[in-house]
Protein backbone atom coordinates (compact mmCIF):
# COMPACT_ATOMS: atom_id res chain seq x y z
CA LYS A 1 -8.33 -0.10 -3.82
CA ASP A 2 -9.94 3.30 -3.81
CA GLY A 3 -10.63 4.62 -0.34
CA PHE A 4 -8.10 2.38 1.37
CA ASP A 5 -5.69 4.43 3.46
CA GLU A 6 -4.02 4.41 6.87
CA ASP A 7 -7.25 5.40 8.64
CA VAL A 8 -9.00 2.38 7.16
CA ALA A 9 -6.03 0.10 7.92
CA GLU A 10 -5.95 1.17 11.58
CA ARG A 11 -9.54 -0.01 12.04
CA LEU A 12 -8.87 -3.50 10.67
CA PRO A 13 -8.76 -6.29 13.27
CA HIS A 14 -5.48 -7.58 11.88
CA VAL A 15 -2.11 -6.41 10.64
CA VAL A 16 -0.03 -8.03 7.89
CA ILE A 17 3.65 -8.64 8.56
CA THR A 18 5.64 -9.18 5.38
CA LEU A 19 8.95 -11.01 5.58
CA LEU A 20 11.48 -11.11 2.75
CA GLY A 21 14.01 -13.90 2.51
CA ARG A 22 14.48 -17.64 2.41
CA VAL A 23 12.67 -20.03 4.69
CA LYS A 24 13.97 -23.53 5.39
CA SER A 25 14.81 -25.30 2.12
CA GLU A 26 13.89 -22.45 -0.23
CA THR A 27 16.61 -21.46 -2.66
CA ASN A 28 15.32 -18.04 -3.73
CA GLU A 29 14.23 -15.02 -1.76
CA ASP A 30 10.49 -14.59 -1.59
CA THR A 31 7.93 -12.64 0.40
CA HIS A 32 6.01 -14.34 3.18
CA GLN A 33 2.93 -12.53 4.48
CA LEU A 34 1.55 -13.25 7.92
CA ALA A 35 -1.81 -11.87 9.02
CA VAL A 36 -1.92 -11.52 12.79
CA ALA A 37 -4.43 -10.00 15.21
CA SER A 38 -3.88 -6.29 15.87
CA THR A 39 -4.36 -7.10 19.55
CA THR A 40 -4.04 -10.66 20.85
CA ARG A 41 -6.54 -12.26 23.21
CA SER A 42 -4.00 -11.81 26.01
CA GLY A 43 -3.83 -8.07 25.28
CA ILE A 44 -0.53 -7.78 23.39
CA GLU A 45 -0.90 -4.85 21.00
CA VAL A 46 0.92 -6.26 17.97
CA ARG A 47 0.04 -3.33 15.67
CA TRP A 48 1.39 -0.83 18.22
CA TRP A 49 4.70 -2.72 18.54
CA ILE A 50 5.10 -3.01 14.76
CA GLU A 51 4.43 0.71 14.34
CA LYS A 52 7.04 1.49 17.02
CA LEU A 53 9.57 -0.74 15.25
CA VAL A 54 8.94 1.08 11.96
CA GLN A 55 9.32 4.46 13.71
CA ILE A 56 12.66 3.42 15.19
CA CYS A 57 13.96 2.15 11.85
CA ARG A 58 12.94 5.42 10.18
CA SER A 59 14.52 7.50 12.96
CA GLU A 60 17.77 5.63 12.28
CA GLY A 61 17.48 6.50 8.58
CA ARG A 62 16.62 2.96 7.51
CA ARG A 63 13.84 2.48 4.96
CA SER A 64 14.79 -1.02 3.86
CA GLY A 65 16.80 -3.96 5.12
CA PRO A 66 16.38 -6.00 8.28
CA ALA A 67 14.09 -4.64 10.98
CA PHE A 68 16.44 -5.85 13.71
CA ALA A 69 19.75 -4.44 12.60
CA THR A 70 23.10 -3.23 13.87
CA PRO A 71 23.78 0.53 13.79
CA GLY A 72 25.37 -0.08 10.37
CA GLY A 73 22.16 -1.61 9.02
CA LYS A 74 23.34 -5.23 8.92
CA LEU A 75 21.24 -8.08 10.29
CA ALA A 76 21.81 -8.27 14.06
CA SER A 77 22.46 -11.66 15.60
CA SER A 78 20.33 -13.06 18.40
CA SER A 79 23.38 -13.02 20.70
CA GLU A 80 23.66 -9.23 20.19
CA PHE A 81 20.04 -8.82 21.24
CA ASN A 82 20.42 -11.21 24.17
CA ALA A 83 23.28 -9.13 25.56
CA MET A 84 21.27 -5.92 25.20
CA LEU A 85 18.12 -7.41 26.74
CA HIS A 86 20.06 -8.77 29.71
CA LYS A 87 21.32 -5.24 30.45
CA TYR A 88 17.73 -3.98 30.62
CA LEU A 89 16.54 -6.90 32.72
CA GLU A 90 19.25 -6.49 35.39
């Protein structure tokens, strides 16, 4: 639409997260769009965290692929993240 830009998007009360892939019994890749509150009732700033994730991916030279990836750009497993998170929590 005309007049829709990042300034307009930042003022919206929600942010859309788009996932690409297969869910449950699907056989083909598809997009799945989730509209979530920019800030939750408990104060979690979802938009801020998504923007930070995008910044990190870009700083690593990644413009496509999984958001949570290994340094080589492959999908990271939950066990890889668990190990990293435990280091920070110690």
